[in-house]
Amino acid sequence: MRLISLDLIAFGNFTDRRLVFPEDKGLHVIYGPNEAGKSTCMRALRGLLYGIPETTMDDFLHESKRLRVGGTLLRSDGERLSVVRRKGRKDTLLGSNGQPIVEDTLRNGKKVAKVIETVCAGCGVCTSTCPCGAIQLQHFTDNQLLAEVNVLCQK
């Protein structure tokens, strides 16, 4: 499964902001100055794939129950899947029609998150105790990094 777009509908300091990841590119790097929203985007992606945590620091602009993050994923069979995640306890994953869909729909999306978490580890967002199991990449050479990402993509 491949991430095509990340929609920050109402999340953190973003409203109706879309990040597009061109399909013809292999690796996408998000960079910017401090406070530009890089960490917010990572939390939004985690929220999309796993659910928005019960307690979150991303509800300062938008009311907690109004938090929304969406995305378009490309499955290995070529099918596109557009989903929205709302903050809540039940039926938080919504299909393009706004109706709840089963969580298993995103089960392959966890591979995407694992790769992103791993690449992100070098910036300090993840630690060695992070539940996602991300590794600290600052100790790797460029070739080792590429090898590790390739291994994760194949899992």
C-alpha atoms as a PDB file:
ATOM      1  CA  MET A   1       0.000   0.000   0.000  1.00  0.00           C
ATOM      2  CA  ARG A   2       1.293   3.440  -0.909  1.00  0.00           C
ATOM      3  CA  LEU A   3       0.319   6.834   0.470  1.00  0.00           C
ATOM      4  CA  ILE A   4      -0.866   9.129  -2.343  1.00  0.00           C
ATOM      5  CA  SER A   5      -2.182  12.038  -0.287  1.00  0.00           C
ATOM      6  CA  LEU A   6      -2.595  13.103   3.317  1.00  0.00           C
ATOM      7  CA  ASP A   7      -5.500  15.437   4.038  1.00  0.00           C
ATOM      8  CA  LEU A   8      -5.271  17.526   7.183  1.00  0.00           C
ATOM      9  CA  ILE A   9      -8.969  18.341   7.278  1.00  0.00           C
ATOM     10  CA  ALA A  10      -9.023  19.602  10.875  1.00  0.00           C
ATOM     11  CA  PHE A  11      -5.865  18.596  12.695  1.00  0.00           C
ATOM     12  CA  GLY A  12      -3.350  20.577  14.739  1.00  0.00           C
ATOM     13  CA  ASN A  13      -2.939  24.036  13.286  1.00  0.00           C
ATOM     14  CA  PHE A  14      -4.091  22.870   9.831  1.00  0.00           C
ATOM     15  CA  THR A  15      -7.489  23.246   8.202  1.00  0.00           C
ATOM     16  CA  ASP A  16      -8.223  21.767   4.771  1.00  0.00           C
ATOM     17  CA  ARG A  17      -4.557  21.250   3.869  1.00  0.00           C
ATOM     18  CA  ARG A  18      -3.512  18.464   1.491  1.00  0.00           C
ATOM     19  CA  LEU A  19      -0.080  16.938   0.992  1.00  0.00           C
ATOM     20  CA  VAL A  20       0.287  15.066  -2.300  1.00  0.00           C
ATOM     21  CA  PHE A  21       2.955  12.406  -2.813  1.00  0.00           C
ATOM     22  CA  PRO A  22       3.487  11.856  -6.560  1.00  0.00           C
ATOM     23  CA  GLU A  23       3.161   8.226  -7.583  1.00  0.00           C
ATOM     24  CA  ASP A  24       6.163   8.365  -9.910  1.00  0.00           C
ATOM     25  CA  LYS A  25       8.539   9.139  -7.023  1.00  0.00           C
ATOM     26  CA  GLY A  26       9.948   6.431  -4.771  1.00  0.00           C
ATOM     27  CA  LEU A  27      10.830   8.254  -1.566  1.00  0.00           C
ATOM     28  CA  HIS A  28       9.269  11.422  -0.204  1.00  0.00           C
ATOM     29  CA  VAL A  29      10.997  13.648   2.331  1.00  0.00           C
ATOM     30  CA  ILE A  30       9.129  16.303   4.251  1.00  0.00           C
ATOM     31  CA  TYR A  31      11.346  19.087   5.519  1.00  0.00           C
ATOM     32  CA  GLY A  32      10.945  22.633   6.717  1.00  0.00           C
ATOM     33  CA  PRO A  33      11.833  25.073   9.473  1.00  0.00           C
ATOM     34  CA  ASN A  34      10.888  24.576  13.106  1.00  0.00           C
ATOM     35  CA  GLU A  35       7.140  24.845  13.763  1.00  0.00           C
ATOM     36  CA  ALA A  36       6.296  24.294  10.076  1.00  0.00           C
ATOM     37  CA  GLY A  37       4.123  21.264  10.877  1.00  0.00           C
ATOM     38  CA  LYS A  38       6.386  18.278  10.130  1.00  0.00           C
ATOM     39  CA  SER A  39       5.641  16.540  13.435  1.00  0.00           C
ATOM     40  CA  THR A  40       1.953  17.382  13.115  1.00  0.00           C
ATOM     41  CA  CYS A  41       1.933  15.652   9.720  1.00  0.00           C
ATOM     42  CA  MET A  42       3.554  12.563  11.249  1.00  0.00           C
ATOM     43  CA  ARG A  43       0.940  12.472  14.023  1.00  0.00           C
ATOM     44  CA  ALA A  44      -1.780  12.937  11.412  1.00  0.00           C
ATOM     45  CA  LEU A  45      -0.482   9.971   9.412  1.00  0.00           C
ATOM     46  CA  ARG A  46      -0.334   7.835  12.558  1.00  0.00           C
ATOM     47  CA  GLY A  47      -3.847   8.995  13.396  1.00  0.00           C
ATOM     48  CA  LEU A  48      -5.090   8.073   9.938  1.00  0.00           C
ATOM     49  CA  LEU A  49      -3.645   4.568  10.060  1.00  0.00           C
ATOM     50  CA  TYR A  50      -4.081   3.693  13.745  1.00  0.00           C
ATOM     51  CA  GLY A  51      -6.656   6.126  15.135  1.00  0.00           C
ATOM     52  CA  ILE A  52      -6.322   9.518  16.790  1.00  0.00           C
ATOM     53  CA  PRO A  53      -5.263   9.024  20.428  1.00  0.00           C
ATOM     54  CA  GLU A  54      -7.737   9.658  23.247  1.00  0.00           C
ATOM     55  CA  THR A  55      -5.505  12.437  24.540  1.00  0.00           C
ATOM     56  CA  THR A  56      -3.900  14.532  21.846  1.00  0.00           C
ATOM     57  CA  MET A  57      -2.052  17.808  21.584  1.00  0.00           C
ATOM     58  CA  ASP A  58      -3.623  18.439  18.180  1.00  0.00           C
ATOM     59  CA  ASP A  59      -6.985  19.775  19.385  1.00  0.00           C
ATOM     60  CA  PHE A  60      -5.950  23.337  20.231  1.00  0.00           C
ATOM     61  CA  LEU A  61      -7.463  24.939  17.103  1.00  0.00           C
ATOM     62  CA  HIS A  62     -10.216  22.447  16.322  1.00  0.00           C
ATOM     63  CA  GLU A  63     -12.522  21.026  18.956  1.00  0.00           C
ATOM     64  CA  SER A  64     -11.403  17.507  19.902  1.00  0.00           C
ATOM     65  CA  LYS A  65     -14.521  15.786  18.562  1.00  0.00           C
ATOM     66  CA  ARG A  66     -14.099  17.642  15.235  1.00  0.00           C
ATOM     67  CA  LEU A  67     -10.555  16.402  14.503  1.00  0.00           C
ATOM     68  CA  ARG A  68     -10.337  14.803  11.048  1.00  0.00           C
ATOM     69  CA  VAL A  69      -7.506  13.500   8.908  1.00  0.00           C
ATOM     70  CA  GLY A  70      -7.919  11.825   5.551  1.00  0.00           C
ATOM     71  CA  GLY A  71      -5.862  10.203   2.896  1.00  0.00           C
ATOM     72  CA  THR A  72      -5.734   8.334  -0.346  1.00  0.00           C
ATOM     73  CA  LEU A  73      -3.892   5.034  -0.432  1.00  0.00           C
ATOM     74  CA  LEU A  74      -2.957   2.982  -3.470  1.00  0.00           C
ATOM     75  CA  ARG A  75      -3.225  -0.765  -2.946  1.00  0.00           C
ATOM     76  CA  SER A  76      -0.823  -3.207  -4.564  1.00  0.00           C
ATOM     77  CA  ASP A  77      -3.664  -4.354  -6.862  1.00  0.00           C
ATOM     78  CA  GLY A  78      -4.026  -0.784  -8.186  1.00  0.00           C
ATOM     79  CA  GLU A  79      -7.212   0.049  -6.277  1.00  0.00           C
ATOM     80  CA  ARG A  80      -7.358   3.505  -4.678  1.00  0.00           C
ATOM     81  CA  LEU A  81      -8.781   3.801  -1.218  1.00  0.00           C
ATOM     82  CA  SER A  82      -9.890   7.187   0.150  1.00  0.00           C
ATOM     83  CA  VAL A  83     -10.596   7.300   3.867  1.00  0.00           C
ATOM     84  CA  VAL A  84     -11.142   9.796   6.666  1.00  0.00           C
ATOM     85  CA  ARG A  85     -10.380   9.208  10.324  1.00  0.00           C
ATOM     86  CA  ARG A  86     -12.325  11.093  12.966  1.00  0.00           C
ATOM     87  CA  LYS A  87     -11.428  11.305  16.627  1.00  0.00           C
ATOM     88  CA  GLY A  88     -13.610   9.027  18.700  1.00  0.00           C
ATOM     89  CA  ARG A  89     -13.915   5.624  20.326  1.00  0.00           C
ATOM     90  CA  LYS A  90     -16.022   3.704  17.816  1.00  0.00           C
ATOM     91  CA  ASP A  91     -16.462   3.665  14.037  1.00  0.00           C
ATOM     92  CA  THR A  92     -13.736   6.252  13.517  1.00  0.00           C
ATOM     93  CA  LEU A  93     -12.599   5.097  10.075  1.00  0.00           C
ATOM     94  CA  LEU A  94     -14.873   6.418   7.343  1.00  0.00           C
ATOM     95  CA  GLY A  95     -15.061   5.601   3.656  1.00  0.00           C
ATOM     96  CA  SER A  96     -15.444   8.123   0.859  1.00  0.00           C
ATOM     97  CA  ASN A  97     -19.219   8.077   1.433  1.00  0.00           C
ATOM     98  CA  GLY A  98     -18.764   9.188   5.064  1.00  0.00           C
ATOM     99  CA  GLN A  99     -19.949   5.857   6.440  1.00  0.00           C
ATOM    100  CA  PRO A 100     -17.859   3.737   8.863  1.00  0.00           C
ATOM    101  CA  ILE A 101     -15.711   1.000   7.338  1.00  0.00           C
ATOM    102  CA  VAL A 102     -13.867  -1.867   9.035  1.00  0.00           C
ATOM    103  CA  GLU A 103     -10.380  -1.290  10.431  1.00  0.00           C
ATOM    104  CA  ASP A 104      -8.981  -4.237   8.466  1.00  0.00           C
ATOM    105  CA  THR A 105      -9.320  -2.067   5.371  1.00  0.00           C
ATOM    106  CA  LEU A 106      -6.062  -0.387   6.437  1.00  0.00           C
ATOM    107  CA  ARG A 107      -4.178  -3.445   7.683  1.00  0.00           C
ATOM    108  CA  ASN A 108      -1.560  -3.108   4.935  1.00  0.00           C
ATOM    109  CA  GLY A 109      -1.257   0.597   5.699  1.00  0.00           C
ATOM    110  CA  LYS A 110       0.758  -0.323   8.775  1.00  0.00           C
ATOM    111  CA  LYS A 111       3.680  -1.151   6.486  1.00  0.00           C
ATOM    112  CA  VAL A 112       3.535   2.412   5.187  1.00  0.00           C
ATOM    113  CA  ALA A 113       3.561   3.748   8.739  1.00  0.00           C
ATOM    114  CA  LYS A 114       6.492   1.516   9.707  1.00  0.00           C
ATOM    115  CA  VAL A 115       8.620   2.862   6.861  1.00  0.00           C
ATOM    116  CA  ILE A 116       7.676   6.453   7.607  1.00  0.00           C
ATOM    117  CA  GLU A 117       8.324   5.996  11.340  1.00  0.00           C
ATOM    118  CA  THR A 118      11.713   4.472  10.578  1.00  0.00           C
ATOM    119  CA  VAL A 119      12.771   7.243   8.236  1.00  0.00           C
ATOM    120  CA  CYS A 120      11.442   9.749  10.754  1.00  0.00           C
ATOM    121  CA  ALA A 121      13.568   8.288  13.552  1.00  0.00           C
ATOM    122  CA  GLY A 122      16.563  10.364  12.512  1.00  0.00           C
ATOM    123  CA  CYS A 123      14.808  13.631  13.375  1.00  0.00           C
ATOM    124  CA  GLY A 124      14.136  12.611  16.978  1.00  0.00           C
ATOM    125  CA  VAL A 125      10.358  12.271  16.831  1.00  0.00           C
ATOM    126  CA  CYS A 126      10.690   8.561  17.560  1.00  0.00           C
ATOM    127  CA  THR A 127      12.923   7.134  20.260  1.00  0.00           C
ATOM    128  CA  SER A 128      14.396   3.717  20.851  1.00  0.00           C
ATOM    129  CA  THR A 129      11.420   2.996  23.106  1.00  0.00           C
ATOM    130  CA  CYS A 130       8.836   4.062  20.533  1.00  0.00           C
ATOM    131  CA  PRO A 131       6.024   1.492  20.285  1.00  0.00           C
ATOM    132  CA  CYS A 132       6.288   1.487  16.499  1.00  0.00           C
ATOM    133  CA  GLY A 133       9.724  -0.137  16.829  1.00  0.00           C
ATOM    134  CA  ALA A 134      11.484   2.547  14.820  1.00  0.00           C
ATOM    135  CA  ILE A 135      15.248   2.382  14.757  1.00  0.00           C
ATOM    136  CA  GLN A 136      17.592   5.292  15.213  1.00  0.00           C
ATOM    137  CA  LEU A 137      18.865   5.992  11.714  1.00  0.00           C
ATOM    138  CA  GLN A 138      21.444   8.607  12.587  1.00  0.00           C
ATOM    139  CA  HIS A 139      23.874   5.697  13.076  1.00  0.00           C
ATOM    140  CA  PHE A 140      23.430   4.457   9.496  1.00  0.00           C
ATOM    141  CA  THR A 141      25.249   5.361   6.309  1.00  0.00           C
ATOM    142  CA  ASP A 142      23.152   6.292   3.262  1.00  0.00           C
ATOM    143  CA  ASN A 143      23.520   2.790   1.793  1.00  0.00           C
ATOM    144  CA  GLN A 144      22.534   1.149   5.085  1.00  0.00           C
ATOM    145  CA  LEU A 145      19.498   3.430   5.306  1.00  0.00           C
ATOM    146  CA  LEU A 146      18.348   2.498   1.813  1.00  0.00           C
ATOM    147  CA  ALA A 147      18.863  -1.199   2.578  1.00  0.00           C
ATOM    148  CA  GLU A 148      16.813  -0.915   5.794  1.00  0.00           C
ATOM    149  CA  VAL A 149      13.945   0.904   4.043  1.00  0.00           C
ATOM    150  CA  ASN A 150      13.957  -1.737   1.273  1.00  0.00           C
ATOM    151  CA  VAL A 151      13.722  -4.510   3.889  1.00  0.00           C
ATOM    152  CA  LEU A 152      10.805  -2.766   5.601  1.00  0.00           C
ATOM    153  CA  CYS A 153       9.003  -2.264   2.302  1.00  0.00           C
ATOM    154  CA  GLN A 154       9.225  -5.967   1.559  1.00  0.00           C
ATOM    155  CA  LYS A 155       7.739  -7.058   4.924  1.00  0.00           C
END
